[in-house]
């Protein structure tokens, strides 16, 4: 596997974030059910990678492009029982 430099990895991360900001129809519960991570995870990972320079709330705000509460009020749909079951099953696969 080739080594990826930090600038390339950062550019790919920013593109993923922009894509998720555009695709507000992609619900977090669906992301969790399919991939085992969601926008909240990305924000938390960003905060972890900052070694204390930013908080999880700040990381999430970066990923959402707005405060999480605002995104949730404007875009989050109620989760169905099926979506929640897929998410729970997916979480069991995470390391």
N, C-alpha and C. Protein backbone atom coordinates (compact mmCIF):
# COMPACT_ATOMS: atom_id res chain seq x y z
N UNK A 1 0.85 -1.17 0.00
CA UNK A 1 0.00 0.00 0.00
C UNK A 1 0.90 1.24 0.00
N UNK A 2 0.60 2.23 -0.85
CA UNK A 2 1.44 3.43 -0.89
C UNK A 2 1.22 4.31 0.33
N UNK A 3 2.23 5.01 0.71
CA UNK A 3 2.14 5.98 1.81
C UNK A 3 1.42 7.22 1.27
N UNK A 4 0.48 7.76 2.03
CA UNK A 4 -0.24 8.96 1.63
C UNK A 4 0.23 10.11 2.51
N UNK A 5 0.66 11.19 1.87
CA UNK A 5 1.15 12.33 2.64
C UNK A 5 -0.02 13.05 3.32
N UNK A 6 0.31 13.82 4.34
CA UNK A 6 -0.73 14.49 5.14
C UNK A 6 -1.57 15.46 4.32
N UNK A 7 -0.98 16.17 3.37
CA UNK A 7 -1.73 17.13 2.57
C UNK A 7 -2.78 16.41 1.73
N UNK A 8 -2.43 15.27 1.15
CA UNK A 8 -3.37 14.49 0.35
C UNK A 8 -4.49 13.95 1.22
N UNK A 9 -4.13 13.40 2.38
CA UNK A 9 -5.14 12.87 3.31
C UNK A 9 -6.07 13.98 3.78
N UNK A 10 -5.52 15.15 4.08
CA UNK A 10 -6.34 16.27 4.53
C UNK A 10 -7.30 16.73 3.43
N UNK A 11 -6.82 16.75 2.19
CA UNK A 11 -7.68 17.15 1.07
C UNK A 11 -8.84 16.16 0.89
N UNK A 12 -8.54 14.87 1.03
CA UNK A 12 -9.59 13.85 0.91
C UNK A 12 -10.59 13.98 2.05
N UNK A 13 -10.12 14.26 3.26
CA UNK A 13 -11.00 14.45 4.41
C UNK A 13 -11.92 15.65 4.18
N UNK A 14 -11.35 16.76 3.69
CA UNK A 14 -12.17 17.95 3.44
C UNK A 14 -13.22 17.68 2.37
N UNK A 15 -12.86 16.89 1.37
CA UNK A 15 -13.83 16.54 0.33
C UNK A 15 -14.95 15.67 0.91
N UNK A 16 -14.61 14.72 1.76
CA UNK A 16 -15.63 13.90 2.42
C UNK A 16 -16.56 14.77 3.25
N UNK A 17 -16.00 15.69 4.02
CA UNK A 17 -16.81 16.58 4.85
C UNK A 17 -17.74 17.42 3.98
N UNK A 18 -17.23 17.98 2.89
CA UNK A 18 -18.07 18.78 1.99
C UNK A 18 -19.18 17.93 1.39
N UNK A 19 -18.87 16.70 1.04
CA UNK A 19 -19.86 15.79 0.49
C UNK A 19 -20.96 15.52 1.51
N UNK A 20 -20.58 15.25 2.74
CA UNK A 20 -21.58 14.98 3.79
C UNK A 20 -22.40 16.22 4.12
N UNK A 21 -21.79 17.41 4.03
CA UNK A 21 -22.55 18.64 4.27
C UNK A 21 -23.59 18.83 3.17
N UNK A 22 -23.26 18.46 1.96
CA UNK A 22 -24.19 18.58 0.83
C UNK A 22 -25.29 17.52 0.90
N UNK A 23 -24.94 16.32 1.35
CA UNK A 23 -25.90 15.20 1.36
C UNK A 23 -26.59 15.09 2.72
N UNK A 24 -27.37 16.10 3.03
CA UNK A 24 -28.09 16.08 4.30
C UNK A 24 -29.14 14.98 4.33
N UNK A 25 -29.46 14.41 3.15
CA UNK A 25 -30.41 13.29 3.11
C UNK A 25 -29.80 12.00 3.64
N UNK A 26 -28.49 11.93 3.68
CA UNK A 26 -27.81 10.76 4.23
C UNK A 26 -27.84 10.89 5.76
N UNK A 27 -28.74 10.17 6.38
CA UNK A 27 -28.93 10.27 7.82
C UNK A 27 -27.81 9.55 8.57
N UNK A 28 -27.46 10.08 9.74
CA UNK A 28 -26.42 9.46 10.55
C UNK A 28 -26.74 8.01 10.89
N UNK A 29 -27.99 7.72 11.19
CA UNK A 29 -28.37 6.36 11.55
C UNK A 29 -28.10 5.41 10.38
N UNK A 30 -28.30 5.88 9.14
CA UNK A 30 -28.01 5.06 7.96
C UNK A 30 -26.51 4.88 7.78
N UNK A 31 -25.75 5.96 7.98
CA UNK A 31 -24.29 5.86 7.89
C UNK A 31 -23.77 4.85 8.91
N UNK A 32 -24.29 4.94 10.13
CA UNK A 32 -23.87 4.01 11.18
C UNK A 32 -24.24 2.58 10.82
N UNK A 33 -25.43 2.39 10.28
CA UNK A 33 -25.89 1.05 9.93
C UNK A 33 -25.11 0.43 8.80
N UNK A 34 -24.65 1.25 7.86
CA UNK A 34 -23.92 0.73 6.70
C UNK A 34 -22.41 0.69 6.92
N UNK A 35 -21.89 1.74 7.54
CA UNK A 35 -20.43 1.87 7.60
C UNK A 35 -19.85 1.85 9.01
N UNK A 36 -20.71 1.95 10.03
CA UNK A 36 -20.22 1.91 11.40
C UNK A 36 -19.64 3.22 11.89
N UNK A 37 -19.87 4.31 11.14
CA UNK A 37 -19.45 5.64 11.59
C UNK A 37 -20.41 6.66 11.00
N UNK A 38 -20.42 7.85 11.60
CA UNK A 38 -21.31 8.91 11.11
C UNK A 38 -20.60 10.25 11.24
N UNK A 39 -21.33 11.31 11.00
CA UNK A 39 -20.76 12.65 11.11
C UNK A 39 -20.24 12.92 12.53
N UNK A 40 -20.98 12.47 13.54
CA UNK A 40 -20.52 12.66 14.92
C UNK A 40 -19.17 11.99 15.14
N UNK A 41 -19.01 10.78 14.61
CA UNK A 41 -17.74 10.06 14.74
C UNK A 41 -16.61 10.87 14.11
N UNK A 42 -16.84 11.38 12.89
CA UNK A 42 -15.80 12.16 12.22
C UNK A 42 -15.41 13.38 13.05
N UNK A 43 -16.41 14.06 13.61
CA UNK A 43 -16.12 15.21 14.46
C UNK A 43 -15.32 14.82 15.70
N UNK A 44 -15.68 13.69 16.30
CA UNK A 44 -14.95 13.21 17.47
C UNK A 44 -13.53 12.79 17.09
N UNK A 45 -13.37 12.14 15.94
CA UNK A 45 -12.03 11.74 15.49
C UNK A 45 -11.17 12.97 15.20
N UNK A 46 -11.79 14.01 14.66
CA UNK A 46 -11.07 15.25 14.41
C UNK A 46 -10.58 15.85 15.72
N UNK A 47 -11.45 15.86 16.72
CA UNK A 47 -11.06 16.38 18.04
C UNK A 47 -9.95 15.52 18.64
N UNK A 48 -10.06 14.20 18.55
CA UNK A 48 -9.01 13.32 19.06
C UNK A 48 -7.68 13.59 18.38
N UNK A 49 -7.72 13.77 17.07
CA UNK A 49 -6.48 14.00 16.31
C UNK A 49 -5.85 15.34 16.64
N UNK A 50 -6.65 16.28 17.16
CA UNK A 50 -6.13 17.61 17.48
C UNK A 50 -5.37 17.63 18.81
N UNK A 51 -5.44 16.52 19.56
CA UNK A 51 -4.75 16.40 20.86
C UNK A 51 -5.13 17.54 21.80
N UNK A 52 -6.44 17.84 21.84
CA UNK A 52 -6.93 18.84 22.78
C UNK A 52 -7.04 20.25 22.23
N UNK A 53 -6.63 20.47 20.98
CA UNK A 53 -6.71 21.81 20.40
C UNK A 53 -8.15 22.20 20.10
N UNK A 54 -9.00 21.21 19.81
CA UNK A 54 -10.42 21.48 19.60
C UNK A 54 -11.24 20.45 20.39
N UNK A 55 -12.44 20.83 20.72
CA UNK A 55 -13.33 19.92 21.46
C UNK A 55 -14.12 19.06 20.48
N UNK A 56 -14.79 18.05 21.00
CA UNK A 56 -15.66 17.23 20.16
C UNK A 56 -16.77 18.09 19.55
N UNK A 57 -17.33 19.00 20.33
CA UNK A 57 -18.39 19.88 19.81
C UNK A 57 -17.86 20.73 18.65
N UNK A 58 -16.64 21.22 18.77
CA UNK A 58 -16.05 22.01 17.69
C UNK A 58 -15.76 21.14 16.47
N UNK A 59 -15.29 19.93 16.71
CA UNK A 59 -15.05 19.01 15.60
C UNK A 59 -16.33 18.68 14.87
N UNK A 60 -17.39 18.44 15.62
CA UNK A 60 -18.69 18.14 15.00
C UNK A 60 -19.21 19.35 14.24
N UNK A 61 -19.03 20.54 14.79
CA UNK A 61 -19.48 21.74 14.09
C UNK A 61 -18.74 21.89 12.76
N UNK A 62 -17.46 21.58 12.74
CA UNK A 62 -16.70 21.62 11.49
C UNK A 62 -17.29 20.63 10.48
N UNK A 63 -17.55 19.41 10.93
CA UNK A 63 -18.06 18.37 10.03
C UNK A 63 -19.46 18.72 9.54
N UNK A 64 -20.32 19.20 10.41
CA UNK A 64 -21.69 19.54 10.02
C UNK A 64 -21.77 20.86 9.25
N UNK A 65 -20.80 21.73 9.45
CA UNK A 65 -20.86 23.06 8.84
C UNK A 65 -21.75 24.01 9.61
N UNK A 66 -22.15 23.60 10.79
CA UNK A 66 -23.03 24.37 11.68
C UNK A 66 -23.06 23.63 13.02
N UNK A 67 -23.56 24.27 14.06
CA UNK A 67 -23.71 23.54 15.33
C UNK A 67 -24.58 22.30 15.13
N UNK A 68 -24.24 21.23 15.84
CA UNK A 68 -24.97 19.97 15.69
C UNK A 68 -26.46 20.14 15.96
N UNK A 69 -26.81 20.90 16.99
CA UNK A 69 -28.23 21.08 17.33
C UNK A 69 -28.98 21.72 16.17
N UNK A 70 -28.35 22.65 15.46
CA UNK A 70 -28.99 23.30 14.32
C UNK A 70 -29.17 22.29 13.18
N UNK A 71 -28.13 21.50 12.90
CA UNK A 71 -28.25 20.49 11.84
C UNK A 71 -29.35 19.50 12.17
N UNK A 72 -29.37 19.05 13.42
CA UNK A 72 -30.36 18.07 13.85
C UNK A 72 -31.77 18.62 13.67
N UNK A 73 -31.98 19.87 14.06
CA UNK A 73 -33.31 20.48 13.94
C UNK A 73 -33.73 20.64 12.49
N UNK A 74 -32.78 20.91 11.61
CA UNK A 74 -33.09 21.18 10.21
C UNK A 74 -33.09 19.95 9.31
N UNK A 75 -32.34 18.90 9.67
CA UNK A 75 -32.13 17.81 8.73
C UNK A 75 -32.39 16.40 9.26
N UNK A 76 -32.30 16.20 10.56
CA UNK A 76 -32.44 14.84 11.07
C UNK A 76 -33.89 14.38 11.05
N UNK A 77 -34.10 13.20 10.51
CA UNK A 77 -35.42 12.59 10.45
C UNK A 77 -35.54 11.55 11.57
N UNK A 78 -36.73 11.26 12.03
CA UNK A 78 -36.89 10.20 13.03
C UNK A 78 -36.38 8.86 12.47
N UNK A 79 -35.70 8.11 13.29
CA UNK A 79 -35.17 6.81 12.88
C UNK A 79 -36.24 5.74 13.01
N UNK A 80 -36.28 4.87 12.02
CA UNK A 80 -37.22 3.75 12.07
C UNK A 80 -36.62 2.63 12.91
N UNK A 81 -37.45 1.70 13.31
CA UNK A 81 -36.97 0.53 14.06
C UNK A 81 -35.95 -0.25 13.23
N UNK A 82 -36.19 -0.34 11.93
CA UNK A 82 -35.25 -1.05 11.04
C UNK A 82 -33.90 -0.34 10.98
N UNK A 83 -33.89 0.98 10.87
CA UNK A 83 -32.63 1.73 10.85
C UNK A 83 -31.86 1.53 12.16
N UNK A 84 -32.57 1.60 13.27
CA UNK A 84 -31.93 1.43 14.58
C UNK A 84 -31.36 0.02 14.73
N UNK A 85 -32.06 -0.97 14.25
CA UNK A 85 -31.58 -2.35 14.33
C UNK A 85 -30.31 -2.53 13.51
N UNK A 86 -30.28 -1.94 12.29
CA UNK A 86 -29.08 -2.02 11.45
C UNK A 86 -27.90 -1.33 12.13
N UNK A 87 -28.16 -0.18 12.75
CA UNK A 87 -27.11 0.54 13.44
C UNK A 87 -26.56 -0.29 14.60
N UNK A 88 -27.45 -0.86 15.40
CA UNK A 88 -27.01 -1.69 16.53
C UNK A 88 -26.18 -2.88 16.05
N UNK A 89 -26.62 -3.54 14.98
CA UNK A 89 -25.86 -4.67 14.45
C UNK A 89 -24.50 -4.23 13.95
N UNK A 90 -24.45 -3.07 13.31
CA UNK A 90 -23.19 -2.55 12.79
C UNK A 90 -22.22 -2.20 13.92
N UNK A 91 -22.75 -1.63 14.99
CA UNK A 91 -21.89 -1.25 16.12
C UNK A 91 -21.19 -2.46 16.73
N UNK A 92 -21.84 -3.61 16.67
CA UNK A 92 -21.23 -4.84 17.20
C UNK A 92 -20.01 -5.27 16.38
N UNK A 93 -19.92 -4.79 15.14
CA UNK A 93 -18.79 -5.15 14.26
C UNK A 93 -17.58 -4.24 14.45
N UNK A 94 -17.81 -3.05 15.08
CA UNK A 94 -16.72 -2.10 15.26
C UNK A 94 -15.70 -2.61 16.28
N UNK A 95 -14.43 -2.31 16.01
CA UNK A 95 -13.39 -2.73 16.97
C UNK A 95 -13.42 -1.94 18.26
